Amino acid sequence: MNIDLDTLSKDELKQLKADVDKALATIDARRKAEAKRAAEQVAKEFGYSLDEIIAAGGTKGSKGAPKYANPSDPAQTWTGRGRKPNWVIEALDEGKSLEDLAL
């Protein structure tokens, strides 16, 4: 399919763009529907519905259980993974250890 874009008017180019966007959206919707059907089939083979898999969290990893809490505000917790919260840094600067903050 060869379209000489140089010979098209601005309105024709806009219409062509709109047609292409619509075609891409249709293809995307069709592929998503196919993927959903395939995922439902795989879940069924394992004895689950796709909704059950999604409700269980799918493949997303958990954040983990908190291991440390701020002594002055126990609602502030940290799992020990990732960047240290400011309250942990401040407690360590004050001479406390992570064991002092452990739950």
PDB file of N, CA and C in Angstrom:
ATOM      1  N   MET A   1       0.847  -1.171   0.000  1.00  0.00           N
ATOM      2  CA  MET A   1       0.000   0.000   0.000  1.00  0.00           C
ATOM      3  C   MET A   1       0.892   1.233   0.000  1.00  0.00           C
ATOM      4  N   ASN A   2       0.854   1.960  -1.063  1.00  0.00           N
ATOM      5  CA  ASN A   2       1.642   3.181  -1.170  1.00  0.00           C
ATOM      6  C   ASN A   2       0.712   4.378  -1.273  1.00  0.00           C
ATOM      7  N   ILE A   3       0.864   5.285  -0.312  1.00  0.00           N
ATOM      8  CA  ILE A   3       0.070   6.510  -0.324  1.00  0.00           C
ATOM      9  C   ILE A   3       1.053   7.659  -0.450  1.00  0.00           C
ATOM     10  N   ASP A   4       0.841   8.468  -1.448  1.00  0.00           N
ATOM     11  CA  ASP A   4       1.711   9.632  -1.643  1.00  0.00           C
ATOM     12  C   ASP A   4       1.184  10.753  -0.758  1.00  0.00           C
ATOM     13  N   LEU A   5       1.776  10.887   0.421  1.00  0.00           N
ATOM     14  CA  LEU A   5       1.310  11.869   1.397  1.00  0.00           C
ATOM     15  C   LEU A   5       1.473  13.301   0.902  1.00  0.00           C
ATOM     16  N   ASP A   6       2.422  13.510   0.024  1.00  0.00           N
ATOM     17  CA  ASP A   6       2.670  14.860  -0.480  1.00  0.00           C
ATOM     18  C   ASP A   6       1.523  15.375  -1.343  1.00  0.00           C
ATOM     19  N   THR A   7       0.726  14.484  -1.907  1.00  0.00           N
ATOM     20  CA  THR A   7      -0.364  14.915  -2.782  1.00  0.00           C
ATOM     21  C   THR A   7      -1.678  15.120  -2.025  1.00  0.00           C
ATOM     22  N   LEU A   8      -1.713  14.744  -0.746  1.00  0.00           N
ATOM     23  CA  LEU A   8      -2.942  14.874   0.026  1.00  0.00           C
ATOM     24  C   LEU A   8      -3.057  16.266   0.643  1.00  0.00           C
ATOM     25  N   SER A   9      -4.289  16.738   0.758  1.00  0.00           N
ATOM     26  CA  SER A   9      -4.534  18.032   1.401  1.00  0.00           C
ATOM     27  C   SER A   9      -4.452  17.858   2.911  1.00  0.00           C
ATOM     28  N   LYS A  10      -4.456  18.981   3.605  1.00  0.00           N
ATOM     29  CA  LYS A  10      -4.400  18.940   5.062  1.00  0.00           C
ATOM     30  C   LYS A  10      -5.607  18.184   5.624  1.00  0.00           C
ATOM     31  N   ASP A  11      -6.799  18.443   5.083  1.00  0.00           N
ATOM     32  CA  ASP A  11      -7.998  17.750   5.552  1.00  0.00           C
ATOM     33  C   ASP A  11      -7.919  16.256   5.277  1.00  0.00           C
ATOM     34  N   GLU A  12      -7.391  15.893   4.109  1.00  0.00           N
ATOM     35  CA  GLU A  12      -7.250  14.475   3.774  1.00  0.00           C
ATOM     36  C   GLU A  12      -6.246  13.798   4.702  1.00  0.00           C
ATOM     37  N   LEU A  13      -5.169  14.502   5.041  1.00  0.00           N
ATOM     38  CA  LEU A  13      -4.179  13.951   5.968  1.00  0.00           C
ATOM     39  C   LEU A  13      -4.776  13.774   7.360  1.00  0.00           C
ATOM     40  N   LYS A  14      -5.580  14.755   7.796  1.00  0.00           N
ATOM     41  CA  LYS A  14      -6.227  14.639   9.107  1.00  0.00           C
ATOM     42  C   LYS A  14      -7.175  13.452   9.128  1.00  0.00           C
ATOM     43  N   GLN A  15      -7.925  13.264   8.033  1.00  0.00           N
ATOM     44  CA  GLN A  15      -8.850  12.139   7.957  1.00  0.00           C
ATOM     45  C   GLN A  15      -8.085  10.814   7.950  1.00  0.00           C
ATOM     46  N   LEU A  16      -6.991  10.778   7.221  1.00  0.00           N
ATOM     47  CA  LEU A  16      -6.161   9.572   7.178  1.00  0.00           C
ATOM     48  C   LEU A  16      -5.629   9.256   8.570  1.00  0.00           C
ATOM     49  N   LYS A  17      -5.173  10.288   9.268  1.00  0.00           N
ATOM     50  CA  LYS A  17      -4.668  10.097  10.632  1.00  0.00           C
ATOM     51  C   LYS A  17      -5.766   9.572  11.538  1.00  0.00           C
ATOM     52  N   ALA A  18      -6.974  10.129  11.445  1.00  0.00           N
ATOM     53  CA  ALA A  18      -8.099   9.674  12.259  1.00  0.00           C
ATOM     54  C   ALA A  18      -8.429   8.218  11.940  1.00  0.00           C
ATOM     55  N   ASP A  19      -8.387   7.853  10.661  1.00  0.00           N
ATOM     56  CA  ASP A  19      -8.670   6.478  10.253  1.00  0.00           C
ATOM     57  C   ASP A  19      -7.613   5.521  10.803  1.00  0.00           C
ATOM     58  N   VAL A  20      -6.352   5.949  10.765  1.00  0.00           N
ATOM     59  CA  VAL A  20      -5.257   5.116  11.281  1.00  0.00           C
ATOM     60  C   VAL A  20      -5.409   4.935  12.793  1.00  0.00           C
ATOM     61  N   ASP A  21      -5.703   6.024  13.506  1.00  0.00           N
ATOM     62  CA  ASP A  21      -5.888   5.935  14.954  1.00  0.00           C
ATOM     63  C   ASP A  21      -7.028   4.992  15.312  1.00  0.00           C
ATOM     64  N   LYS A  22      -8.115   5.077  14.553  1.00  0.00           N
ATOM     65  CA  LYS A  22      -9.260   4.202  14.791  1.00  0.00           C
ATOM     66  C   LYS A  22      -8.886   2.743  14.526  1.00  0.00           C
ATOM     67  N   ALA A  23      -8.156   2.492  13.451  1.00  0.00           N
ATOM     68  CA  ALA A  23      -7.743   1.133  13.113  1.00  0.00           C
ATOM     69  C   ALA A  23      -6.804   0.574  14.187  1.00  0.00           C
ATOM     70  N   LEU A  24      -5.898   1.413  14.676  1.00  0.00           N
ATOM     71  CA  LEU A  24      -4.980   0.969  15.735  1.00  0.00           C
ATOM     72  C   LEU A  24      -5.748   0.644  17.016  1.00  0.00           C
ATOM     73  N   ALA A  25      -6.732   1.460  17.359  1.00  0.00           N
ATOM     74  CA  ALA A  25      -7.531   1.208  18.562  1.00  0.00           C
ATOM     75  C   ALA A  25      -8.311  -0.094  18.416  1.00  0.00           C
ATOM     76  N   THR A  26      -8.831  -0.364  17.230  1.00  0.00           N
ATOM     77  CA  THR A  26      -9.582  -1.587  16.987  1.00  0.00           C
ATOM     78  C   THR A  26      -8.671  -2.802  17.131  1.00  0.00           C
ATOM     79  N   ILE A  27      -7.496  -2.720  16.542  1.00  0.00           N
ATOM     80  CA  ILE A  27      -6.539  -3.820  16.640  1.00  0.00           C
ATOM     81  C   ILE A  27      -6.148  -4.042  18.097  1.00  0.00           C
ATOM     82  N   ASP A  28      -5.898  -2.947  18.829  1.00  0.00           N
ATOM     83  CA  ASP A  28      -5.509  -3.046  20.227  1.00  0.00           C
ATOM     84  C   ASP A  28      -6.619  -3.706  21.048  1.00  0.00           C
ATOM     85  N   ALA A  29      -7.852  -3.306  20.827  1.00  0.00           N
ATOM     86  CA  ALA A  29      -8.980  -3.893  21.564  1.00  0.00           C
ATOM     87  C   ALA A  29      -9.123  -5.377  21.241  1.00  0.00           C
ATOM     88  N   ARG A  30      -8.952  -5.727  19.979  1.00  0.00           N
ATOM     89  CA  ARG A  30      -9.062  -7.125  19.574  1.00  0.00           C
ATOM     90  C   ARG A  30      -7.962  -7.969  20.210  1.00  0.00           C
ATOM     91  N   ARG A  31      -6.744  -7.443  20.230  1.00  0.00           N
ATOM     92  CA  ARG A  31      -5.615  -8.177  20.829  1.00  0.00           C
ATOM     93  C   ARG A  31      -5.787  -8.328  22.336  1.00  0.00           C
ATOM     94  N   LYS A  32      -6.311  -7.293  22.993  1.00  0.00           N
ATOM     95  CA  LYS A  32      -6.566  -7.391  24.430  1.00  0.00           C
ATOM     96  C   LYS A  32      -7.619  -8.456  24.715  1.00  0.00           C
ATOM     97  N   ALA A  33      -8.652  -8.510  23.888  1.00  0.00           N
ATOM     98  CA  ALA A  33      -9.700  -9.520  24.069  1.00  0.00           C
ATOM     99  C   ALA A  33      -9.125 -10.918  23.884  1.00  0.00           C
ATOM    100  N   GLU A  34      -8.254 -11.081  22.892  1.00  0.00           N
ATOM    101  CA  GLU A  34      -7.599 -12.373  22.665  1.00  0.00           C
ATOM    102  C   GLU A  34      -6.726 -12.747  23.854  1.00  0.00           C
ATOM    103  N   ALA A  35      -5.981 -11.780  24.386  1.00  0.00           N
ATOM    104  CA  ALA A  35      -5.115 -12.032  25.536  1.00  0.00           C
ATOM    105  C   ALA A  35      -5.947 -12.412  26.759  1.00  0.00           C
ATOM    106  N   LYS A  36      -7.075 -11.740  26.940  1.00  0.00           N
ATOM    107  CA  LYS A  36      -7.942 -12.052  28.079  1.00  0.00           C
ATOM    108  C   LYS A  36      -8.488 -13.467  27.967  1.00  0.00           C
ATOM    109  N   ARG A  37      -8.924 -13.841  26.758  1.00  0.00           N
ATOM    110  CA  ARG A  37      -9.429 -15.204  26.563  1.00  0.00           C
ATOM    111  C   ARG A  37      -8.338 -16.232  26.847  1.00  0.00           C
ATOM    112  N   ALA A  38      -7.125 -15.958  26.397  1.00  0.00           N
ATOM    113  CA  ALA A  38      -6.014 -16.883  26.635  1.00  0.00           C
ATOM    114  C   ALA A  38      -5.700 -16.977  28.128  1.00  0.00           C
ATOM    115  N   ALA A  39      -5.713 -15.839  28.818  1.00  0.00           N
ATOM    116  CA  ALA A  39      -5.449 -15.836  30.262  1.00  0.00           C
ATOM    117  C   ALA A  39      -6.543 -16.593  31.009  1.00  0.00           C
ATOM    118  N   GLU A  40      -7.799 -16.404  30.595  1.00  0.00           N
ATOM    119  CA  GLU A  40      -8.906 -17.127  31.223  1.00  0.00           C
ATOM    120  C   GLU A  40      -8.749 -18.625  31.028  1.00  0.00           C
ATOM    121  N   GLN A  41      -8.308 -19.035  29.844  1.00  0.00           N
ATOM    122  CA  GLN A  41      -8.128 -20.454  29.556  1.00  0.00           C
ATOM    123  C   GLN A  41      -7.018 -21.046  30.430  1.00  0.00           C
ATOM    124  N   VAL A  42      -5.916 -20.330  30.556  1.00  0.00           N
ATOM    125  CA  VAL A  42      -4.806 -20.819  31.389  1.00  0.00           C
ATOM    126  C   VAL A  42      -5.233 -20.899  32.854  1.00  0.00           C
ATOM    127  N   ALA A  43      -5.922 -19.887  33.341  1.00  0.00           N
ATOM    128  CA  ALA A  43      -6.401 -19.904  34.727  1.00  0.00           C
ATOM    129  C   ALA A  43      -7.335 -21.089  34.943  1.00  0.00           C
ATOM    130  N   LYS A  44      -8.200 -21.350  33.961  1.00  0.00           N
ATOM    131  CA  LYS A  44      -9.148 -22.463  34.049  1.00  0.00           C
ATOM    132  C   LYS A  44      -8.406 -23.795  34.125  1.00  0.00           C
ATOM    133  N   GLU A  45      -7.309 -23.922  33.377  1.00  0.00           N
ATOM    134  CA  GLU A  45      -6.516 -25.155  33.408  1.00  0.00           C
ATOM    135  C   GLU A  45      -5.942 -25.419  34.792  1.00  0.00           C
ATOM    136  N   PHE A  46      -5.717 -24.364  35.571  1.00  0.00           N
ATOM    137  CA  PHE A  46      -5.208 -24.509  36.926  1.00  0.00           C
ATOM    138  C   PHE A  46      -6.331 -24.579  37.956  1.00  0.00           C
ATOM    139  N   GLY A  47      -7.588 -24.497  37.478  1.00  0.00           N
ATOM    140  CA  GLY A  47      -8.731 -24.620  38.368  1.00  0.00           C
ATOM    141  C   GLY A  47      -9.206 -23.308  38.980  1.00  0.00           C
ATOM    142  N   TYR A  48      -8.826 -22.187  38.376  1.00  0.00           N
ATOM    143  CA  TYR A  48      -9.219 -20.877  38.888  1.00  0.00           C
ATOM    144  C   TYR A  48      -9.897 -20.070  37.784  1.00  0.00           C
ATOM    145  N   SER A  49     -10.601 -19.034  38.227  1.00  0.00           N
ATOM    146  CA  SER A  49     -11.101 -18.075  37.254  1.00  0.00           C
ATOM    147  C   SER A  49     -10.090 -16.939  37.176  1.00  0.00           C
ATOM    148  N   LEU A  50     -10.141 -16.183  36.103  1.00  0.00           N
ATOM    149  CA  LEU A  50      -9.224 -15.050  35.962  1.00  0.00           C
ATOM    150  C   LEU A  50      -9.475 -14.020  37.063  1.00  0.00           C
ATOM    151  N   ASP A  51     -10.733 -13.838  37.453  1.00  0.00           N
ATOM    152  CA  ASP A  51     -11.062 -12.912  38.537  1.00  0.00           C
ATOM    153  C   ASP A  51     -10.411 -13.339  39.854  1.00  0.00           C
ATOM    154  N   GLU A  52     -10.366 -14.643  40.112  1.00  0.00           N
ATOM    155  CA  GLU A  52      -9.715 -15.129  41.335  1.00  0.00           C
ATOM    156  C   GLU A  52      -8.217 -14.830  41.319  1.00  0.00           C
ATOM    157  N   ILE A  53      -7.599 -14.990  40.166  1.00  0.00           N
ATOM    158  CA  ILE A  53      -6.160 -14.725  40.045  1.00  0.00           C
ATOM    159  C   ILE A  53      -5.887 -13.245  40.257  1.00  0.00           C
ATOM    160  N   ILE A  54      -6.692 -12.406  39.643  1.00  0.00           N
ATOM    161  CA  ILE A  54      -6.498 -10.961  39.772  1.00  0.00           C
ATOM    162  C   ILE A  54      -6.731 -10.525  41.210  1.00  0.00           C
ATOM    163  N   ALA A  55      -7.771 -11.062  41.853  1.00  0.00           N
ATOM    164  CA  ALA A  55      -8.073 -10.697  43.235  1.00  0.00           C
ATOM    165  C   ALA A  55      -6.956 -11.123  44.187  1.00  0.00           C
ATOM    166  N   ALA A  56      -6.250 -12.199  43.822  1.00  0.00           N
ATOM    167  CA  ALA A  56      -5.165 -12.696  44.670  1.00  0.00           C
ATOM    168  C   ALA A  56      -3.898 -11.879  44.492  1.00  0.00           C
ATOM    169  N   GLY A  57      -3.913 -10.912  43.615  1.00  0.00           N
ATOM    170  CA  GLY A  57      -2.746 -10.056  43.438  1.00  0.00           C
ATOM    171  C   GLY A  57      -1.959 -10.364  42.190  1.00  0.00           C
ATOM    172  N   GLY A  58      -2.375 -11.355  41.432  1.00  0.00           N
ATOM    173  CA  GLY A  58      -1.673 -11.649  40.184  1.00  0.00           C
ATOM    174  C   GLY A  58      -0.205 -11.920  40.410  1.00  0.00           C
ATOM    175  N   THR A  59       0.654 -11.225  39.679  1.00  0.00           N
ATOM    176  CA  THR A  59       2.089 -11.459  39.786  1.00  0.00           C
ATOM    177  C   THR A  59       2.789 -10.367  40.567  1.00  0.00           C
ATOM    178  N   LYS A  60       2.033  -9.426  41.091  1.00  0.00           N
ATOM    179  CA  LYS A  60       2.649  -8.324  41.822  1.00  0.00           C
ATOM    180  C   LYS A  60       3.215  -8.845  43.132  1.00  0.00           C
ATOM    181  N   GLY A  61       4.435  -8.482  43.428  1.00  0.00           N
ATOM    182  CA  GLY A  61       5.069  -8.901  44.659  1.00  0.00           C
ATOM    183  C   GLY A  61       4.533  -8.133  45.851  1.00  0.00           C
ATOM    184  N   SER A  62       4.674  -8.745  47.013  1.00  0.00           N
ATOM    185  CA  SER A  62       4.204  -8.071  48.216  1.00  0.00           C
ATOM    186  C   SER A  62       5.266  -7.112  48.725  1.00  0.00           C
ATOM    187  N   LYS A  63       4.841  -6.152  49.497  1.00  0.00           N
ATOM    188  CA  LYS A  63       5.778  -5.190  50.063  1.00  0.00           C
ATOM    189  C   LYS A  63       6.520  -5.791  51.240  1.00  0.00           C
ATOM    190  N   GLY A  64       6.001  -6.829  51.817  1.00  0.00           N
ATOM    191  CA  GLY A  64       6.630  -7.462  52.961  1.00  0.00           C
ATOM    192  C   GLY A  64       6.078  -6.929  54.263  1.00  0.00           C
ATOM    193  N   ALA A  65       6.312  -7.694  55.308  1.00  0.00           N
ATOM    194  CA  ALA A  65       5.819  -7.309  56.627  1.00  0.00           C
ATOM    195  C   ALA A  65       6.767  -6.286  57.245  1.00  0.00           C
ATOM    196  N   PRO A  66       6.217  -5.346  57.997  1.00  0.00           N
ATOM    197  CA  PRO A  66       7.077  -4.372  58.659  1.00  0.00           C
ATOM    198  C   PRO A  66       7.972  -5.045  59.686  1.00  0.00           C
ATOM    199  N   LYS A  67       9.212  -4.605  59.771  1.00  0.00           N
ATOM    200  CA  LYS A  67      10.161  -5.139  60.747  1.00  0.00           C
ATOM    201  C   LYS A  67      10.546  -4.090  61.776  1.00  0.00           C
ATOM    202  N   TYR A  68      10.357  -2.822  61.426  1.00  0.00           N
ATOM    203  CA  TYR A  68      10.777  -1.734  62.307  1.00  0.00           C
ATOM    204  C   TYR A  68       9.645  -0.720  62.443  1.00  0.00           C
ATOM    205  N   ALA A  69       9.584  -0.094  63.620  1.00  0.00           N
ATOM    206  CA  ALA A  69       8.569   0.929  63.862  1.00  0.00           C
ATOM    207  C   ALA A  69       9.209   2.129  64.545  1.00  0.00           C
ATOM    208  N   ASN A  70       8.665   3.290  64.282  1.00  0.00           N
ATOM    209  CA  ASN A  70       9.126   4.525  64.898  1.00  0.00           C
ATOM    210  C   ASN A  70       8.644   4.524  66.354  1.00  0.00           C
ATOM    211  N   PRO A  71       9.557   4.588  67.338  1.00  0.00           N
ATOM    212  CA  PRO A  71       9.137   4.558  68.738  1.00  0.00           C
ATOM    213  C   PRO A  71       8.209   5.715  69.115  1.00  0.00           C
ATOM    214  N   SER A  72       8.384   6.873  68.483  1.00  0.00           N
ATOM    215  CA  SER A  72       7.537   8.012  68.825  1.00  0.00           C
ATOM    216  C   SER A  72       6.225   8.014  68.045  1.00  0.00           C
ATOM    217  N   ASP A  73       6.116   7.204  66.995  1.00  0.00           N
ATOM    218  CA  ASP A  73       4.879   7.087  66.218  1.00  0.00           C
ATOM    219  C   ASP A  73       4.812   5.683  65.634  1.00  0.00           C
ATOM    220  N   PRO A  74       4.287   4.708  66.391  1.00  0.00           N
ATOM    221  CA  PRO A  74       4.261   3.310  65.950  1.00  0.00           C
ATOM    222  C   PRO A  74       3.524   3.069  64.632  1.00  0.00           C
ATOM    223  N   ALA A  75       2.753   4.042  64.171  1.00  0.00           N
ATOM    224  CA  ALA A  75       2.066   3.880  62.884  1.00  0.00           C
ATOM    225  C   ALA A  75       3.057   3.957  61.722  1.00  0.00           C
ATOM    226  N   GLN A  76       4.212   4.558  61.959  1.00  0.00           N
ATOM    227  CA  GLN A  76       5.250   4.634  60.935  1.00  0.00           C
ATOM    228  C   GLN A  76       6.108   3.377  61.021  1.00  0.00           C
ATOM    229  N   THR A  77       6.063   2.579  59.955  1.00  0.00           N
ATOM    230  CA  THR A  77       6.822   1.331  59.937  1.00  0.00           C
ATOM    231  C   THR A  77       7.697   1.272  58.699  1.00  0.00           C
ATOM    232  N   TRP A  78       8.622   0.295  58.732  1.00  0.00           N
ATOM    233  CA  TRP A  78       9.535   0.078  57.613  1.00  0.00           C
ATOM    234  C   TRP A  78       9.822  -1.406  57.531  1.00  0.00           C
ATOM    235  N   THR A  79       9.875  -1.943  56.313  1.00  0.00           N
ATOM    236  CA  THR A  79      10.114  -3.376  56.114  1.00  0.00           C
ATOM    237  C   THR A  79      11.591  -3.735  56.213  1.00  0.00           C
ATOM    238  N   GLY A  80      12.448  -2.734  56.135  1.00  0.00           N
ATOM    239  CA  GLY A  80      13.877  -3.007  56.129  1.00  0.00           C
ATOM    240  C   GLY A  80      14.425  -3.085  54.715  1.00  0.00           C
ATOM    241  N   ARG A  81      13.532  -2.943  53.740  1.00  0.00           N
ATOM    242  CA  ARG A  81      13.952  -2.958  52.337  1.00  0.00           C
ATOM    243  C   ARG A  81      13.804  -1.565  51.754  1.00  0.00           C
ATOM    244  N   GLY A  82      14.641  -1.267  50.792  1.00  0.00           N
ATOM    245  CA  GLY A  82      14.541   0.020  50.118  1.00  0.00           C
ATOM    246  C   GLY A  82      15.183   1.128  50.933  1.00  0.00           C
ATOM    247  N   ARG A  83      14.897   2.328  50.536  1.00  0.00           N
ATOM    248  CA  ARG A  83      15.473   3.505  51.179  1.00  0.00           C
ATOM    249  C   ARG A  83      14.969   3.653  52.614  1.00  0.00           C
ATOM    250  N   LYS A  84      15.865   4.014  53.506  1.00  0.00           N
ATOM    251  CA  LYS A  84      15.489   4.206  54.902  1.00  0.00           C
ATOM    252  C   LYS A  84      14.620   5.448  55.035  1.00  0.00           C
ATOM    253  N   PRO A  85      13.523   5.344  55.791  1.00  0.00           N
ATOM    254  CA  PRO A  85      12.711   6.536  56.052  1.00  0.00           C
ATOM    255  C   PRO A  85      13.505   7.531  56.907  1.00  0.00           C
ATOM    256  N   ASN A  86      13.097   8.762  56.862  1.00  0.00           N
ATOM    257  CA  ASN A  86      13.790   9.804  57.637  1.00  0.00           C
ATOM    258  C   ASN A  86      13.821   9.485  59.116  1.00  0.00           C
ATOM    259  N   TRP A  87      12.740   8.939  59.656  1.00  0.00           N
ATOM    260  CA  TRP A  87      12.714   8.646  61.092  1.00  0.00           C
ATOM    261  C   TRP A  87      13.739   7.588  61.458  1.00  0.00           C
ATOM    262  N   VAL A  88      14.047   6.657  60.563  1.00  0.00           N
ATOM    263  CA  VAL A  88      15.089   5.650  60.818  1.00  0.00           C
ATOM    264  C   VAL A  88      16.455   6.331  60.804  1.00  0.00           C
ATOM    265  N   ILE A  89      16.689   7.167  59.817  1.00  0.00           N
ATOM    266  CA  ILE A  89      17.968   7.882  59.715  1.00  0.00           C
ATOM    267  C   ILE A  89      18.186   8.730  60.963  1.00  0.00           C
ATOM    268  N   GLU A  90      17.158   9.448  61.389  1.00  0.00           N
ATOM    269  CA  GLU A  90      17.282  10.298  62.583  1.00  0.00           C
ATOM    270  C   GLU A  90      17.569   9.466  63.824  1.00  0.00           C
ATOM    271  N   ALA A  91      16.891   8.322  63.964  1.00  0.00           N
ATOM    272  CA  ALA A  91      17.112   7.461  65.132  1.00  0.00           C
ATOM    273  C   ALA A  91      18.537   6.917  65.129  1.00  0.00           C
ATOM    274  N   LEU A  92      19.032   6.525  63.968  1.00  0.00           N
ATOM    275  CA  LEU A  92      20.405   6.018  63.881  1.00  0.00           C
ATOM    276  C   LEU A  92      21.402   7.123  64.199  1.00  0.00           C
ATOM    277  N   ASP A  93      21.125   8.352  63.758  1.00  0.00           N
ATOM    278  CA  ASP A  93      22.004   9.494  64.062  1.00  0.00           C
ATOM    279  C   ASP A  93      22.021   9.796  65.558  1.00  0.00           C
ATOM    280  N   GLU A  94      20.913   9.493  66.238  1.00  0.00           N
ATOM    281  CA  GLU A  94      20.825   9.720  67.681  1.00  0.00           C
ATOM    282  C   GLU A  94      21.506   8.621  68.483  1.00  0.00           C
ATOM    283  N   GLY A  95      22.058   7.623  67.794  1.00  0.00           N
ATOM    284  CA  GLY A  95      22.787   6.566  68.477  1.00  0.00           C
ATOM    285  C   GLY A  95      21.983   5.278  68.667  1.00  0.00           C
ATOM    286  N   LYS A  96      20.750   5.254  68.221  1.00  0.00           N
ATOM    287  CA  LYS A  96      19.954   4.026  68.342  1.00  0.00           C
ATOM    288  C   LYS A  96      20.401   3.047  67.253  1.00  0.00           C
ATOM    289  N   SER A  97      20.105   1.779  67.479  1.00  0.00           N
ATOM    290  CA  SER A  97      20.417   0.751  66.486  1.00  0.00           C
ATOM    291  C   SER A  97      19.122   0.265  65.847  1.00  0.00           C
ATOM    292  N   LEU A  98      19.240  -0.471  64.773  1.00  0.00           N
ATOM    293  CA  LEU A  98      18.041  -1.035  64.146  1.00  0.00           C
ATOM    294  C   LEU A  98      17.338  -1.997  65.098  1.00  0.00           C
ATOM    295  N   GLU A  99      18.095  -2.669  65.951  1.00  0.00           N
ATOM    296  CA  GLU A  99      17.482  -3.569  66.923  1.00  0.00           C
ATOM    297  C   GLU A  99      16.561  -2.801  67.875  1.00  0.00           C
ATOM    298  N   ASP A 100      16.931  -1.546  68.177  1.00  0.00           N
ATOM    299  CA  ASP A 100      16.083  -0.710  69.038  1.00  0.00           C
ATOM    300  C   ASP A 100      14.739  -0.392  68.373  1.00  0.00           C
ATOM    301  N   LEU A 101      14.728  -0.392  67.064  1.00  0.00           N
ATOM    302  CA  LEU A 101      13.520  -0.047  66.309  1.00  0.00           C
ATOM    303  C   LEU A 101      12.721  -1.270  65.888  1.00  0.00           C
ATOM    304  N   ALA A 102      13.261  -2.473  66.142  1.00  0.00           N
ATOM    305  CA  ALA A 102      12.635  -3.702  65.685  1.00  0.00           C
ATOM    306  C   ALA A 102      11.300  -3.943  66.383  1.00  0.00           C
ATOM    307  N   LEU A 103      10.391  -4.530  65.629  1.00  0.00           N
ATOM    308  CA  LEU A 103       9.075  -4.870  66.191  1.00  0.00           C
ATOM    309  C   LEU A 103       9.172  -6.146  67.011  1.00  0.00           C
TER     310      LEU A 103
END
